């Protein structure tokens, strides 16, 4: 899951832009925050980001992911 999250952030962020990963301990476990300077996810697609094989159609030619969902 962490690999897919970081891979997606790196794949869709503009070349040369920053990718930030923050890890913190919480009362119930850990929290991982990954942020980038990419375009984000269209609100209409948010409900599907964890679906297997779902890919937002943005008309790009970027390499395909693993198909495991975010």
N, C-alpha and C. Protein backbone atom coordinates (compact mmCIF):
# COMPACT_ATOMS: atom_id res chain seq x y z
N UNK A 1 0.83 -1.18 0.00
CA UNK A 1 0.00 0.00 0.00
C UNK A 1 0.88 1.25 0.00
N UNK A 2 1.89 1.25 0.86
CA UNK A 2 2.77 2.42 0.93
C UNK A 2 3.51 2.61 -0.40
N UNK A 3 3.96 1.53 -1.00
CA UNK A 3 4.63 1.64 -2.30
C UNK A 3 3.69 2.26 -3.33
N UNK A 4 2.44 1.77 -3.40
CA UNK A 4 1.49 2.31 -4.38
C UNK A 4 1.23 3.79 -4.15
N UNK A 5 1.11 4.18 -2.89
CA UNK A 5 0.85 5.58 -2.57
C UNK A 5 2.00 6.49 -3.01
N UNK A 6 3.22 6.10 -2.68
CA UNK A 6 4.39 6.90 -3.06
C UNK A 6 4.60 6.85 -4.58
N UNK A 7 4.40 5.69 -5.18
CA UNK A 7 4.56 5.55 -6.62
C UNK A 7 3.58 6.45 -7.37
N UNK A 8 2.33 6.49 -6.93
CA UNK A 8 1.34 7.37 -7.57
C UNK A 8 1.71 8.83 -7.41
N UNK A 9 2.16 9.21 -6.21
CA UNK A 9 2.55 10.60 -5.99
C UNK A 9 3.70 10.99 -6.91
N UNK A 10 4.69 10.12 -7.03
CA UNK A 10 5.85 10.42 -7.88
C UNK A 10 5.47 10.42 -9.36
N UNK A 11 4.57 9.54 -9.74
CA UNK A 11 4.18 9.39 -11.14
C UNK A 11 3.43 10.61 -11.66
N UNK A 12 2.61 11.23 -10.82
CA UNK A 12 1.75 12.30 -11.30
C UNK A 12 2.21 13.69 -10.89
N UNK A 13 3.28 13.80 -10.13
CA UNK A 13 3.83 15.11 -9.78
C UNK A 13 4.67 15.62 -10.95
N UNK A 14 4.71 16.92 -11.13
CA UNK A 14 5.54 17.47 -12.21
C UNK A 14 7.02 17.13 -11.99
N UNK A 15 7.74 16.92 -13.08
CA UNK A 15 9.17 16.63 -13.00
C UNK A 15 9.88 17.73 -12.22
N UNK A 16 10.75 17.34 -11.31
CA UNK A 16 11.52 18.29 -10.53
C UNK A 16 10.80 18.86 -9.32
N UNK A 17 9.55 18.47 -9.12
CA UNK A 17 8.79 19.00 -7.97
C UNK A 17 9.05 18.14 -6.73
N UNK A 18 8.60 18.63 -5.60
CA UNK A 18 8.84 17.95 -4.35
C UNK A 18 7.84 16.84 -4.04
N UNK A 19 8.30 15.87 -3.30
CA UNK A 19 7.47 14.79 -2.78
C UNK A 19 7.82 14.68 -1.31
N UNK A 20 6.82 14.81 -0.45
CA UNK A 20 7.07 14.84 0.99
C UNK A 20 6.35 13.68 1.67
N UNK A 21 7.05 13.00 2.58
CA UNK A 21 6.47 11.91 3.35
C UNK A 21 6.67 12.23 4.83
N UNK A 22 5.57 12.23 5.57
CA UNK A 22 5.63 12.48 7.01
C UNK A 22 5.05 11.27 7.73
N UNK A 23 5.71 10.83 8.78
CA UNK A 23 5.23 9.71 9.59
C UNK A 23 5.17 10.19 11.03
N UNK A 24 4.04 9.93 11.67
CA UNK A 24 3.91 10.31 13.08
C UNK A 24 3.19 9.20 13.84
N UNK A 25 3.45 9.15 15.13
CA UNK A 25 2.81 8.17 16.00
C UNK A 25 1.54 8.79 16.57
N UNK A 26 0.45 8.03 16.54
CA UNK A 26 -0.81 8.50 17.11
C UNK A 26 -1.22 7.57 18.25
N UNK A 27 -2.31 7.86 18.89
CA UNK A 27 -2.79 7.02 19.99
C UNK A 27 -3.16 5.62 19.52
N UNK A 28 -3.57 5.47 18.28
CA UNK A 28 -4.01 4.15 17.80
C UNK A 28 -3.06 3.51 16.78
N UNK A 29 -1.94 4.12 16.48
CA UNK A 29 -1.00 3.56 15.51
C UNK A 29 -0.11 4.63 14.93
N UNK A 30 0.10 4.54 13.63
CA UNK A 30 0.91 5.55 12.95
C UNK A 30 0.08 6.24 11.88
N UNK A 31 0.48 7.43 11.54
CA UNK A 31 -0.15 8.20 10.47
C UNK A 31 0.92 8.50 9.44
N UNK A 32 0.62 8.20 8.18
CA UNK A 32 1.54 8.48 7.08
C UNK A 32 0.86 9.47 6.15
N UNK A 33 1.54 10.58 5.89
CA UNK A 33 1.02 11.61 4.99
C UNK A 33 2.00 11.75 3.83
N UNK A 34 1.49 11.57 2.63
CA UNK A 34 2.29 11.75 1.42
C UNK A 34 1.69 12.93 0.67
N UNK A 35 2.52 13.92 0.36
CA UNK A 35 2.03 15.07 -0.39
C UNK A 35 2.98 15.37 -1.55
N UNK A 36 2.39 15.86 -2.61
CA UNK A 36 3.18 16.19 -3.80
C UNK A 36 2.61 17.46 -4.42
N UNK A 37 3.16 17.85 -5.54
CA UNK A 37 2.72 19.06 -6.23
C UNK A 37 1.97 18.73 -7.51
N UNK A 38 1.39 17.53 -7.56
CA UNK A 38 0.65 17.09 -8.74
C UNK A 38 -0.74 17.70 -8.81
N UNK A 39 -1.50 17.33 -9.82
CA UNK A 39 -2.82 17.93 -10.05
C UNK A 39 -3.89 17.47 -9.07
N UNK A 40 -3.63 16.44 -8.30
CA UNK A 40 -4.66 15.92 -7.40
C UNK A 40 -5.60 14.97 -8.12
N UNK A 41 -6.61 14.52 -7.40
CA UNK A 41 -7.58 13.57 -7.94
C UNK A 41 -8.91 14.30 -8.13
N UNK A 42 -9.50 14.13 -9.29
CA UNK A 42 -10.81 14.71 -9.55
C UNK A 42 -11.80 14.22 -8.50
N UNK A 43 -12.54 15.11 -7.86
CA UNK A 43 -13.50 14.71 -6.84
C UNK A 43 -14.45 13.60 -7.30
N UNK A 44 -14.78 13.56 -8.58
CA UNK A 44 -15.67 12.52 -9.10
C UNK A 44 -15.03 11.14 -9.06
N UNK A 45 -13.71 11.07 -9.01
CA UNK A 45 -13.00 9.80 -9.00
C UNK A 45 -12.65 9.32 -7.60
N UNK A 46 -12.80 10.15 -6.59
CA UNK A 46 -12.38 9.79 -5.23
C UNK A 46 -13.03 8.51 -4.71
N UNK A 47 -14.26 8.27 -5.06
CA UNK A 47 -14.96 7.08 -4.57
C UNK A 47 -14.36 5.79 -5.12
N UNK A 48 -13.51 5.88 -6.13
CA UNK A 48 -12.98 4.68 -6.79
C UNK A 48 -11.50 4.44 -6.56
N UNK A 49 -10.81 5.30 -5.83
CA UNK A 49 -9.35 5.18 -5.74
C UNK A 49 -8.87 3.88 -5.11
N UNK A 50 -9.71 3.20 -4.36
CA UNK A 50 -9.30 1.93 -3.76
C UNK A 50 -9.81 0.72 -4.53
N UNK A 51 -10.49 0.94 -5.66
CA UNK A 51 -10.99 -0.16 -6.48
C UNK A 51 -9.85 -0.76 -7.29
N UNK A 52 -9.82 -2.10 -7.34
CA UNK A 52 -8.80 -2.76 -8.16
C UNK A 52 -8.96 -2.36 -9.61
N UNK A 53 -7.84 -2.13 -10.27
CA UNK A 53 -7.75 -1.86 -11.70
C UNK A 53 -8.40 -0.55 -12.13
N UNK A 54 -8.83 0.29 -11.19
CA UNK A 54 -9.40 1.58 -11.56
C UNK A 54 -8.28 2.55 -11.90
N UNK A 55 -8.46 3.27 -12.98
CA UNK A 55 -7.48 4.28 -13.38
C UNK A 55 -8.21 5.52 -13.85
N UNK A 56 -7.85 6.65 -13.29
CA UNK A 56 -8.46 7.90 -13.71
C UNK A 56 -8.03 8.17 -15.14
N UNK A 57 -8.97 8.45 -15.99
CA UNK A 57 -8.67 8.71 -17.40
C UNK A 57 -8.28 10.17 -17.57
N UNK A 58 -7.00 10.43 -17.70
CA UNK A 58 -6.53 11.81 -17.86
C UNK A 58 -5.86 12.03 -19.21
N UNK A 59 -5.92 11.03 -20.09
CA UNK A 59 -5.36 11.20 -21.42
C UNK A 59 -3.85 11.24 -21.44
N UNK A 60 -3.23 10.67 -20.42
CA UNK A 60 -1.76 10.70 -20.40
C UNK A 60 -1.19 9.39 -20.94
N UNK A 61 0.10 9.35 -21.05
CA UNK A 61 0.78 8.13 -21.48
C UNK A 61 1.74 7.67 -20.39
N UNK A 62 1.41 7.97 -19.16
CA UNK A 62 2.26 7.56 -18.05
C UNK A 62 2.18 6.05 -17.88
N UNK A 63 3.23 5.50 -17.28
CA UNK A 63 3.26 4.04 -17.11
C UNK A 63 2.11 3.60 -16.21
N UNK A 64 1.59 2.43 -16.49
CA UNK A 64 0.48 1.89 -15.73
C UNK A 64 0.96 1.44 -14.35
N UNK A 65 0.04 1.38 -13.41
CA UNK A 65 0.37 0.93 -12.06
C UNK A 65 0.18 -0.56 -11.93
N UNK A 66 0.15 -1.02 -10.68
CA UNK A 66 0.00 -2.44 -10.39
C UNK A 66 -1.43 -2.92 -10.51
N UNK A 67 -2.39 -2.01 -10.49
CA UNK A 67 -3.79 -2.40 -10.59
C UNK A 67 -4.39 -2.81 -9.26
N UNK A 68 -3.66 -2.60 -8.16
CA UNK A 68 -4.15 -3.03 -6.85
C UNK A 68 -5.00 -1.99 -6.16
N UNK A 69 -5.25 -0.88 -6.80
CA UNK A 69 -5.96 0.20 -6.13
C UNK A 69 -4.97 1.00 -5.30
N UNK A 70 -5.36 2.19 -4.93
CA UNK A 70 -4.44 3.06 -4.20
C UNK A 70 -3.95 2.36 -2.96
